[in-house]
Amino acid sequence: MPLITRSEAARQMNVTVQAVYGAIKEGRIKPVVNDEGKVFINSDTLMEEWTKNSQFMRVKSQSYKPKKQIQTPTRVQEAFPEYNESKARTEHLKAELLELERQEKEESLVSAKDVEAMWVNVGTVVRTKLLGISSKAKQRLPDLDTSAIACIDDIVREALEEIAVA
């Protein structure tokens, strides 16, 4: 039965020394105490005790990679993506933004706000011109009586209301 120190056990399992101390304190690893009161760990049973009694391992190295998805009975939770995957996604989105900026500078792409402002302007001009039809008709055809002018004005307003509802 080869005995090793707690720090040697941590190196062997690739975890922190604090994780080994915690495992001993929680009873997940059984220590061996010599006559002088020094604490050692049985290296033959160390890995077996650790994996059997621990639900997770506190990993010290960068080689640990989380699972892609953690499934629970009620739903699926996504874990953080790997670094390379995240970096590739970021680079792709940056490239798309640069392409949009290029198209906008070449004026082959117009912003939605500009289009909306232009259509509001067109709608206002059309409305103003249509509402002016009755007064222009009165100027050009002086024989028209007021009831005919009012009828033309009503027809124009009715058309504008139909357009506004559509």
N, C-alpha and C. Protein backbone atom coordinates (compact mmCIF):
# COMPACT_ATOMS: atom_id res chain seq x y z
N MET A 1 0.85 -1.17 0.00
CA MET A 1 0.00 0.00 0.00
C MET A 1 0.91 1.24 0.00
N PRO A 2 1.20 1.84 -1.19
CA PRO A 2 2.03 3.04 -1.26
C PRO A 2 1.24 4.26 -0.80
N LEU A 3 1.77 4.98 0.16
CA LEU A 3 1.11 6.18 0.68
C LEU A 3 1.73 7.42 0.04
N ILE A 4 0.86 8.38 -0.30
CA ILE A 4 1.32 9.63 -0.89
C ILE A 4 0.73 10.81 -0.13
N THR A 5 1.33 11.98 -0.29
CA THR A 5 0.82 13.18 0.40
C THR A 5 -0.40 13.72 -0.35
N ARG A 6 -1.04 14.68 0.30
CA ARG A 6 -2.23 15.28 -0.32
C ARG A 6 -1.88 16.04 -1.60
N SER A 7 -0.75 16.73 -1.62
CA SER A 7 -0.36 17.46 -2.84
C SER A 7 0.01 16.50 -3.96
N GLU A 8 0.64 15.37 -3.63
CA GLU A 8 0.93 14.36 -4.66
C GLU A 8 -0.35 13.76 -5.20
N ALA A 9 -1.33 13.57 -4.34
CA ALA A 9 -2.63 13.05 -4.77
C ALA A 9 -3.31 14.03 -5.71
N ALA A 10 -3.20 15.33 -5.41
CA ALA A 10 -3.80 16.35 -6.27
C ALA A 10 -3.15 16.33 -7.64
N ARG A 11 -1.82 16.24 -7.68
CA ARG A 11 -1.12 16.18 -8.97
C ARG A 11 -1.51 14.93 -9.74
N GLN A 12 -1.62 13.81 -9.05
CA GLN A 12 -1.95 12.54 -9.70
C GLN A 12 -3.35 12.58 -10.32
N MET A 13 -4.28 13.22 -9.63
CA MET A 13 -5.65 13.29 -10.14
C MET A 13 -5.91 14.52 -10.99
N ASN A 14 -4.90 15.40 -11.11
CA ASN A 14 -5.02 16.62 -11.90
C ASN A 14 -6.11 17.54 -11.36
N VAL A 15 -6.14 17.70 -10.04
CA VAL A 15 -7.06 18.61 -9.38
C VAL A 15 -6.26 19.49 -8.43
N THR A 16 -6.93 20.44 -7.81
CA THR A 16 -6.25 21.32 -6.86
C THR A 16 -6.08 20.62 -5.52
N VAL A 17 -5.12 21.12 -4.74
CA VAL A 17 -4.89 20.59 -3.40
C VAL A 17 -6.13 20.83 -2.54
N GLN A 18 -6.77 21.98 -2.75
CA GLN A 18 -7.99 22.30 -1.99
C GLN A 18 -9.09 21.28 -2.26
N ALA A 19 -9.15 20.76 -3.49
CA ALA A 19 -10.16 19.73 -3.80
C ALA A 19 -9.89 18.45 -3.02
N VAL A 20 -8.62 18.10 -2.86
CA VAL A 20 -8.26 16.90 -2.09
C VAL A 20 -8.60 17.13 -0.62
N TYR A 21 -8.25 18.31 -0.08
CA TYR A 21 -8.59 18.61 1.32
C TYR A 21 -10.11 18.54 1.52
N GLY A 22 -10.86 19.10 0.56
CA GLY A 22 -12.32 19.07 0.66
C GLY A 22 -12.86 17.65 0.62
N ALA A 23 -12.28 16.82 -0.24
CA ALA A 23 -12.73 15.43 -0.35
C ALA A 23 -12.47 14.66 0.94
N ILE A 24 -11.33 14.93 1.58
CA ILE A 24 -11.03 14.28 2.87
C ILE A 24 -12.00 14.76 3.93
N LYS A 25 -12.23 16.06 3.96
CA LYS A 25 -13.12 16.65 4.97
C LYS A 25 -14.55 16.12 4.81
N GLU A 26 -15.00 15.94 3.56
CA GLU A 26 -16.36 15.47 3.29
C GLU A 26 -16.47 13.95 3.36
N GLY A 27 -15.35 13.26 3.54
CA GLY A 27 -15.39 11.81 3.68
C GLY A 27 -15.40 11.07 2.36
N ARG A 28 -15.07 11.73 1.28
CA ARG A 28 -15.05 11.07 -0.02
C ARG A 28 -13.76 10.30 -0.24
N ILE A 29 -12.71 10.71 0.45
CA ILE A 29 -11.43 9.99 0.42
C ILE A 29 -11.05 9.68 1.86
N LYS A 30 -10.64 8.43 2.09
CA LYS A 30 -10.24 8.03 3.45
C LYS A 30 -8.74 8.26 3.62
N PRO A 31 -8.35 9.13 4.55
CA PRO A 31 -6.92 9.37 4.77
C PRO A 31 -6.33 8.29 5.69
N VAL A 32 -5.02 8.18 5.62
CA VAL A 32 -4.27 7.28 6.51
C VAL A 32 -3.38 8.18 7.35
N VAL A 33 -3.54 8.10 8.68
CA VAL A 33 -2.75 8.92 9.60
C VAL A 33 -1.70 8.04 10.25
N ASN A 34 -0.42 8.47 10.16
CA ASN A 34 0.66 7.66 10.76
C ASN A 34 0.79 7.97 12.25
N ASP A 35 1.75 7.35 12.90
CA ASP A 35 1.95 7.51 14.35
C ASP A 35 2.28 8.95 14.74
N GLU A 36 2.92 9.67 13.83
CA GLU A 36 3.29 11.06 14.12
C GLU A 36 2.16 12.05 13.86
N GLY A 37 1.03 11.55 13.33
CA GLY A 37 -0.12 12.41 13.07
C GLY A 37 -0.14 13.01 11.67
N LYS A 38 0.78 12.59 10.80
CA LYS A 38 0.82 13.11 9.43
C LYS A 38 -0.21 12.37 8.59
N VAL A 39 -0.85 13.12 7.68
CA VAL A 39 -1.93 12.58 6.85
C VAL A 39 -1.37 12.14 5.49
N PHE A 40 -1.70 10.92 5.12
CA PHE A 40 -1.31 10.37 3.83
C PHE A 40 -2.55 9.77 3.18
N ILE A 41 -2.41 9.46 1.88
CA ILE A 41 -3.52 8.86 1.14
C ILE A 41 -3.01 7.62 0.43
N ASN A 42 -3.83 6.58 0.43
CA ASN A 42 -3.48 5.34 -0.24
C ASN A 42 -3.62 5.55 -1.74
N SER A 43 -2.51 5.49 -2.48
CA SER A 43 -2.55 5.76 -3.92
C SER A 43 -3.22 4.64 -4.71
N ASP A 44 -3.29 3.42 -4.15
CA ASP A 44 -3.93 2.30 -4.84
C ASP A 44 -5.45 2.50 -4.94
N THR A 45 -6.05 3.06 -3.91
CA THR A 45 -7.52 3.20 -3.88
C THR A 45 -7.97 4.64 -4.14
N LEU A 46 -7.04 5.54 -4.37
CA LEU A 46 -7.36 6.96 -4.52
C LEU A 46 -8.35 7.22 -5.65
N MET A 47 -8.03 6.80 -6.85
CA MET A 47 -8.90 7.08 -8.00
C MET A 47 -10.27 6.42 -7.86
N GLU A 48 -10.29 5.22 -7.34
CA GLU A 48 -11.55 4.50 -7.16
C GLU A 48 -12.45 5.25 -6.17
N GLU A 49 -11.88 5.64 -5.02
CA GLU A 49 -12.66 6.38 -4.03
C GLU A 49 -13.12 7.72 -4.60
N TRP A 50 -12.24 8.38 -5.30
CA TRP A 50 -12.56 9.71 -5.83
C TRP A 50 -13.73 9.64 -6.81
N THR A 51 -13.65 8.75 -7.78
CA THR A 51 -14.71 8.66 -8.79
C THR A 51 -16.00 8.09 -8.21
N LYS A 52 -15.88 7.20 -7.26
CA LYS A 52 -17.07 6.59 -6.66
C LYS A 52 -17.83 7.59 -5.78
N ASN A 53 -17.11 8.38 -5.02
CA ASN A 53 -17.75 9.25 -4.03
C ASN A 53 -17.91 10.71 -4.48
N SER A 54 -17.39 11.08 -5.62
CA SER A 54 -17.48 12.45 -6.10
C SER A 54 -18.43 12.52 -7.27
N GLN A 55 -19.30 13.53 -7.26
CA GLN A 55 -20.22 13.70 -8.37
C GLN A 55 -19.57 14.49 -9.50
N PHE A 56 -18.55 15.27 -9.20
CA PHE A 56 -17.84 16.03 -10.21
C PHE A 56 -16.38 16.14 -9.78
N MET A 57 -15.55 16.54 -10.72
CA MET A 57 -14.13 16.70 -10.41
C MET A 57 -13.75 18.16 -10.59
N ARG A 58 -13.05 18.72 -9.64
CA ARG A 58 -12.54 20.08 -9.77
C ARG A 58 -11.25 19.98 -10.56
N VAL A 59 -11.31 20.37 -11.81
CA VAL A 59 -10.19 20.15 -12.71
C VAL A 59 -9.28 21.37 -12.72
N LYS A 60 -8.00 21.12 -12.67
CA LYS A 60 -7.02 22.19 -12.64
C LYS A 60 -6.55 22.55 -14.05
N SER A 61 -6.56 21.61 -14.96
CA SER A 61 -6.00 21.85 -16.29
C SER A 61 -7.05 22.43 -17.22
N GLN A 62 -6.57 22.89 -18.39
CA GLN A 62 -7.45 23.45 -19.40
C GLN A 62 -8.06 22.36 -20.28
N SER A 63 -7.69 21.11 -20.06
CA SER A 63 -8.18 20.05 -20.93
C SER A 63 -9.64 19.69 -20.67
N TYR A 64 -10.20 20.17 -19.56
CA TYR A 64 -11.60 19.87 -19.25
C TYR A 64 -12.51 20.66 -20.16
N LYS A 65 -13.47 19.97 -20.81
CA LYS A 65 -14.43 20.63 -21.69
C LYS A 65 -15.82 20.26 -21.22
N PRO A 66 -16.70 21.26 -21.02
CA PRO A 66 -18.06 20.94 -20.59
C PRO A 66 -18.84 20.27 -21.71
N LYS A 67 -19.88 19.54 -21.32
CA LYS A 67 -20.73 18.88 -22.30
C LYS A 67 -21.49 19.94 -23.09
N LYS A 68 -21.86 19.59 -24.31
CA LYS A 68 -22.60 20.52 -25.17
C LYS A 68 -23.98 20.80 -24.58
N GLN A 69 -24.69 19.78 -24.20
CA GLN A 69 -26.03 19.96 -23.66
C GLN A 69 -26.18 19.13 -22.39
N ILE A 70 -26.92 19.69 -21.45
CA ILE A 70 -27.22 18.98 -20.22
C ILE A 70 -28.72 18.71 -20.26
N GLN A 71 -29.11 17.44 -20.30
CA GLN A 71 -30.53 17.12 -20.39
C GLN A 71 -31.09 16.87 -19.00
N THR A 72 -32.19 17.54 -18.74
CA THR A 72 -32.93 17.32 -17.51
C THR A 72 -34.28 16.75 -17.89
N PRO A 73 -35.02 16.17 -16.96
CA PRO A 73 -36.30 15.58 -17.31
C PRO A 73 -37.29 16.58 -17.91
N THR A 74 -37.19 17.86 -17.52
CA THR A 74 -38.19 18.83 -17.98
C THR A 74 -37.76 19.60 -19.22
N ARG A 75 -36.46 19.86 -19.40
CA ARG A 75 -36.04 20.65 -20.54
C ARG A 75 -34.56 20.41 -20.83
N VAL A 76 -34.12 20.96 -21.96
CA VAL A 76 -32.72 20.85 -22.36
C VAL A 76 -32.07 22.21 -22.14
N GLN A 77 -30.97 22.23 -21.40
CA GLN A 77 -30.26 23.48 -21.15
C GLN A 77 -28.98 23.46 -21.96
N GLU A 78 -28.67 24.57 -22.62
CA GLU A 78 -27.45 24.64 -23.40
C GLU A 78 -26.32 25.15 -22.53
N ALA A 79 -25.18 24.51 -22.62
CA ALA A 79 -23.99 24.96 -21.91
C ALA A 79 -23.29 26.00 -22.77
N PHE A 80 -22.24 26.60 -22.24
CA PHE A 80 -21.48 27.57 -23.00
C PHE A 80 -20.81 26.87 -24.17
N PRO A 81 -20.76 27.54 -25.36
CA PRO A 81 -20.08 26.90 -26.48
C PRO A 81 -18.58 26.90 -26.26
N GLU A 82 -17.90 26.03 -26.99
CA GLU A 82 -16.45 25.96 -26.90
C GLU A 82 -15.85 27.26 -27.43
N TYR A 83 -14.62 27.53 -27.05
CA TYR A 83 -13.96 28.78 -27.43
C TYR A 83 -13.85 28.93 -28.95
N ASN A 84 -13.39 27.89 -29.64
CA ASN A 84 -13.22 27.98 -31.09
C ASN A 84 -14.55 28.18 -31.80
N GLU A 85 -15.59 27.51 -31.32
CA GLU A 85 -16.91 27.67 -31.92
C GLU A 85 -17.42 29.09 -31.70
N SER A 86 -17.25 29.59 -30.50
CA SER A 86 -17.68 30.95 -30.18
C SER A 86 -16.91 31.97 -31.00
N LYS A 87 -15.61 31.77 -31.15
CA LYS A 87 -14.79 32.69 -31.93
C LYS A 87 -15.21 32.67 -33.40
N ALA A 88 -15.48 31.49 -33.93
CA ALA A 88 -15.90 31.37 -35.33
C ALA A 88 -17.23 32.08 -35.55
N ARG A 89 -18.15 31.92 -34.60
CA ARG A 89 -19.45 32.58 -34.69
C ARG A 89 -19.28 34.10 -34.67
N THR A 90 -18.42 34.59 -33.78
CA THR A 90 -18.16 36.02 -33.68
C THR A 90 -17.55 36.55 -34.97
N GLU A 91 -16.58 35.84 -35.52
CA GLU A 91 -15.94 36.27 -36.77
C GLU A 91 -16.95 36.30 -37.91
N HIS A 92 -17.85 35.32 -37.96
CA HIS A 92 -18.88 35.29 -39.00
C HIS A 92 -19.79 36.51 -38.89
N LEU A 93 -20.23 36.82 -37.68
CA LEU A 93 -21.11 37.97 -37.49
C LEU A 93 -20.40 39.29 -37.83
N LYS A 94 -19.11 39.39 -37.48
CA LYS A 94 -18.35 40.59 -37.83
C LYS A 94 -18.26 40.74 -39.35
N ALA A 95 -18.05 39.64 -40.05
CA ALA A 95 -17.96 39.67 -41.51
C ALA A 95 -19.29 40.12 -42.12
N GLU A 96 -20.40 39.64 -41.56
CA GLU A 96 -21.71 40.06 -42.06
C GLU A 96 -21.93 41.56 -41.84
N LEU A 97 -21.54 42.06 -40.67
CA LEU A 97 -21.68 43.50 -40.40
C LEU A 97 -20.82 44.33 -41.35
N LEU A 98 -19.61 43.88 -41.60
CA LEU A 98 -18.74 44.59 -42.54
C LEU A 98 -19.34 44.60 -43.95
N GLU A 99 -19.95 43.50 -44.35
CA GLU A 99 -20.59 43.43 -45.66
C GLU A 99 -21.76 44.40 -45.75
N LEU A 100 -22.56 44.48 -44.69
CA LEU A 100 -23.68 45.43 -44.67
C LEU A 100 -23.18 46.87 -44.73
N GLU A 101 -22.12 47.18 -44.00
CA GLU A 101 -21.55 48.53 -44.04
C GLU A 101 -21.03 48.86 -45.44
N ARG A 102 -20.40 47.88 -46.09
CA ARG A 102 -19.89 48.09 -47.45
C ARG A 102 -21.03 48.38 -48.41
N GLN A 103 -22.10 47.60 -48.33
CA GLN A 103 -23.25 47.81 -49.21
C GLN A 103 -23.89 49.16 -48.96
N GLU A 104 -23.94 49.57 -47.69
CA GLU A 104 -24.53 50.86 -47.36
C GLU A 104 -23.68 52.00 -47.93
N LYS A 105 -22.36 51.88 -47.85
CA LYS A 105 -21.48 52.91 -48.39
C LYS A 105 -21.54 52.97 -49.91
N GLU A 106 -21.77 51.84 -50.55
CA GLU A 106 -21.91 51.81 -52.00
C GLU A 106 -23.31 52.25 -52.43
N GLU A 107 -24.15 52.52 -51.48
CA GLU A 107 -25.54 52.95 -51.68
C GLU A 107 -26.37 51.90 -52.39
N SER A 108 -25.99 50.64 -52.23
CA SER A 108 -26.84 49.56 -52.73
C SER A 108 -27.74 49.05 -51.62
N LEU A 109 -27.59 49.64 -50.44
CA LEU A 109 -28.39 49.25 -49.28
C LEU A 109 -28.88 50.53 -48.61
N VAL A 110 -30.16 50.60 -48.34
CA VAL A 110 -30.76 51.78 -47.74
C VAL A 110 -31.33 51.39 -46.39
N SER A 111 -31.17 52.26 -45.40
CA SER A 111 -31.68 51.94 -44.07
C SER A 111 -33.20 52.02 -44.04
N ALA A 112 -33.80 51.24 -43.17
CA ALA A 112 -35.26 51.20 -43.05
C ALA A 112 -35.81 52.55 -42.61
N LYS A 113 -35.07 53.27 -41.77
CA LYS A 113 -35.52 54.59 -41.32
C LYS A 113 -35.60 55.58 -42.48
N ASP A 114 -34.62 55.51 -43.39
CA ASP A 114 -34.63 56.39 -44.56
C ASP A 114 -35.82 56.09 -45.47
N VAL A 115 -36.10 54.80 -45.67
CA VAL A 115 -37.22 54.39 -46.51
C VAL A 115 -38.54 54.85 -45.88
N GLU A 116 -38.67 54.67 -44.58
CA GLU A 116 -39.89 55.08 -43.89
C GLU A 116 -40.08 56.59 -43.98
N ALA A 117 -39.01 57.35 -43.77
CA ALA A 117 -39.11 58.82 -43.84
C ALA A 117 -39.52 59.25 -45.25
N MET A 118 -38.97 58.58 -46.27
CA MET A 118 -39.32 58.93 -47.65
C MET A 118 -40.79 58.65 -47.94
N TRP A 119 -41.28 57.49 -47.46
CA TRP A 119 -42.69 57.15 -47.69
C TRP A 119 -43.63 58.08 -46.93
N VAL A 120 -43.24 58.50 -45.74
CA VAL A 120 -44.06 59.46 -45.00
C VAL A 120 -44.12 60.77 -45.78
N ASN A 121 -43.00 61.18 -46.35
CA ASN A 121 -42.96 62.41 -47.15
C ASN A 121 -43.84 62.29 -48.39
N VAL A 122 -43.75 61.15 -49.09
CA VAL A 122 -44.58 60.92 -50.28
C VAL A 122 -46.06 60.92 -49.90
N GLY A 123 -46.42 60.24 -48.82
CA GLY A 123 -47.81 60.21 -48.38
C GLY A 123 -48.34 61.60 -48.04
N THR A 124 -47.52 62.41 -47.40
CA THR A 124 -47.94 63.77 -47.04
C THR A 124 -48.16 64.61 -48.28
N VAL A 125 -47.27 64.51 -49.25
CA VAL A 125 -47.41 65.28 -50.49
C VAL A 125 -48.67 64.84 -51.24
N VAL A 126 -48.91 63.54 -51.36
CA VAL A 126 -50.09 63.03 -52.05
C VAL A 126 -51.36 63.51 -51.36
N ARG A 127 -51.39 63.44 -50.04
CA ARG A 127 -52.57 63.89 -49.28
C ARG A 127 -52.84 65.38 -49.52
N THR A 128 -51.79 66.17 -49.46
CA THR A 128 -51.94 67.61 -49.66
C THR A 128 -52.45 67.92 -51.07
N LYS A 129 -51.90 67.24 -52.08
CA LYS A 129 -52.34 67.47 -53.47
C LYS A 129 -53.78 67.04 -53.67
N LEU A 130 -54.16 65.90 -53.10
CA LEU A 130 -55.55 65.44 -53.25
C LEU A 130 -56.54 66.37 -52.56
N LEU A 131 -56.17 66.88 -51.38
CA LEU A 131 -57.08 67.80 -50.69
C LEU A 131 -57.19 69.14 -51.43
N GLY A 132 -56.22 69.47 -52.26
CA GLY A 132 -56.27 70.72 -53.03
C GLY A 132 -57.07 70.62 -54.31
N ILE A 133 -57.55 69.43 -54.66
CA ILE A 133 -58.30 69.26 -55.91
C ILE A 133 -59.55 70.13 -55.94
N SER A 134 -60.31 70.16 -54.87
CA SER A 134 -61.57 70.93 -54.86
C SER A 134 -61.32 72.43 -55.04
N SER A 135 -60.28 72.98 -54.40
CA SER A 135 -60.02 74.41 -54.56
C SER A 135 -59.49 74.73 -55.97
N LYS A 136 -58.69 73.81 -56.56
CA LYS A 136 -58.22 74.03 -57.94
C LYS A 136 -59.38 73.95 -58.92
N ALA A 137 -60.31 73.00 -58.66
CA ALA A 137 -61.48 72.88 -59.53
C ALA A 137 -62.30 74.16 -59.47
N LYS A 138 -62.43 74.76 -58.33
CA LYS A 138 -63.19 76.02 -58.18
C LYS A 138 -62.51 77.15 -58.93
N GLN A 139 -61.16 77.20 -58.91
CA GLN A 139 -60.42 78.24 -59.61
C GLN A 139 -60.53 78.08 -61.12
N ARG A 140 -60.42 76.84 -61.61
CA ARG A 140 -60.43 76.62 -63.05
C ARG A 140 -61.83 76.61 -63.66
N LEU A 141 -62.80 76.20 -62.86
CA LEU A 141 -64.20 76.15 -63.33
C LEU A 141 -65.05 77.05 -62.43
N PRO A 142 -65.05 78.34 -62.68
CA PRO A 142 -65.77 79.26 -61.80
C PRO A 142 -67.28 79.05 -61.79
N ASP A 143 -67.86 78.33 -62.79
CA ASP A 143 -69.31 78.10 -62.86
C ASP A 143 -69.79 77.10 -61.82
N LEU A 144 -68.85 76.29 -61.26
CA LEU A 144 -69.27 75.26 -60.29
C LEU A 144 -69.85 75.91 -59.05
N ASP A 145 -70.97 75.36 -58.63
CA ASP A 145 -71.58 75.91 -57.41
C ASP A 145 -70.94 75.25 -56.18
N THR A 146 -71.27 75.74 -55.04
CA THR A 146 -70.68 75.26 -53.79
C THR A 146 -71.03 73.81 -53.51
N SER A 147 -72.18 73.35 -53.90
CA SER A 147 -72.55 71.95 -53.64
C SER A 147 -71.68 71.00 -54.46
N ALA A 148 -71.32 71.39 -55.70
CA ALA A 148 -70.45 70.55 -56.53
C ALA A 148 -69.05 70.50 -55.93
N ILE A 149 -68.55 71.64 -55.46
CA ILE A 149 -67.23 71.70 -54.83
C ILE A 149 -67.22 70.83 -53.57
N ALA A 150 -68.29 70.91 -52.77
CA ALA A 150 -68.39 70.12 -51.55
C ALA A 150 -68.44 68.63 -51.87
N CYS A 151 -69.14 68.29 -52.98
CA CYS A 151 -69.21 66.89 -53.40
C CYS A 151 -67.83 66.37 -53.80
N ILE A 152 -67.07 67.18 -54.56
CA ILE A 152 -65.70 66.77 -54.95
C ILE A 152 -64.84 66.61 -53.70
N ASP A 153 -64.95 67.54 -52.76
CA ASP A 153 -64.17 67.48 -51.53
C ASP A 153 -64.52 66.22 -50.73
N ASP A 154 -65.80 65.86 -50.66
CA ASP A 154 -66.22 64.65 -49.95
C ASP A 154 -65.66 63.39 -50.60
N ILE A 155 -65.69 63.36 -51.95
CA ILE A 155 -65.17 62.20 -52.68
C ILE A 155 -63.67 62.02 -52.41
N VAL A 156 -62.92 63.13 -52.42
CA VAL A 156 -61.47 63.07 -52.17
C VAL A 156 -61.19 62.59 -50.75
N ARG A 157 -61.91 63.15 -49.78
CA ARG A 157 -61.70 62.76 -48.37
C ARG A 157 -62.07 61.29 -48.14
N GLU A 158 -63.14 60.84 -48.80
CA GLU A 158 -63.54 59.43 -48.69
C GLU A 158 -62.44 58.51 -49.26
N ALA A 159 -61.83 58.90 -50.37
CA ALA A 159 -60.75 58.12 -50.96
C ALA A 159 -59.54 58.09 -50.03
N LEU A 160 -59.22 59.21 -49.41
CA LEU A 160 -58.09 59.27 -48.49
C LEU A 160 -58.33 58.40 -47.27
N GLU A 161 -59.57 58.38 -46.76
CA GLU A 161 -59.88 57.52 -45.61
C GLU A 161 -59.74 56.04 -45.97
N GLU A 162 -60.19 55.68 -47.19
CA GLU A 162 -60.06 54.29 -47.64
C GLU A 162 -58.59 53.88 -47.75
N ILE A 163 -57.77 54.81 -48.24
CA ILE A 163 -56.35 54.53 -48.35
C ILE A 163 -55.73 54.38 -46.96
N ALA A 164 -56.13 55.21 -46.02
CA ALA A 164 -55.57 55.16 -44.67
C ALA A 164 -55.93 53.86 -43.97
N VAL A 165 -57.11 53.31 -44.22
CA VAL A 165 -57.53 52.05 -43.59
C VAL A 165 -56.78 50.87 -44.18
N ALA A 166 -56.51 50.92 -45.47
CA ALA A 166 -55.80 49.81 -46.15
C ALA A 166 -54.38 49.83 -45.78
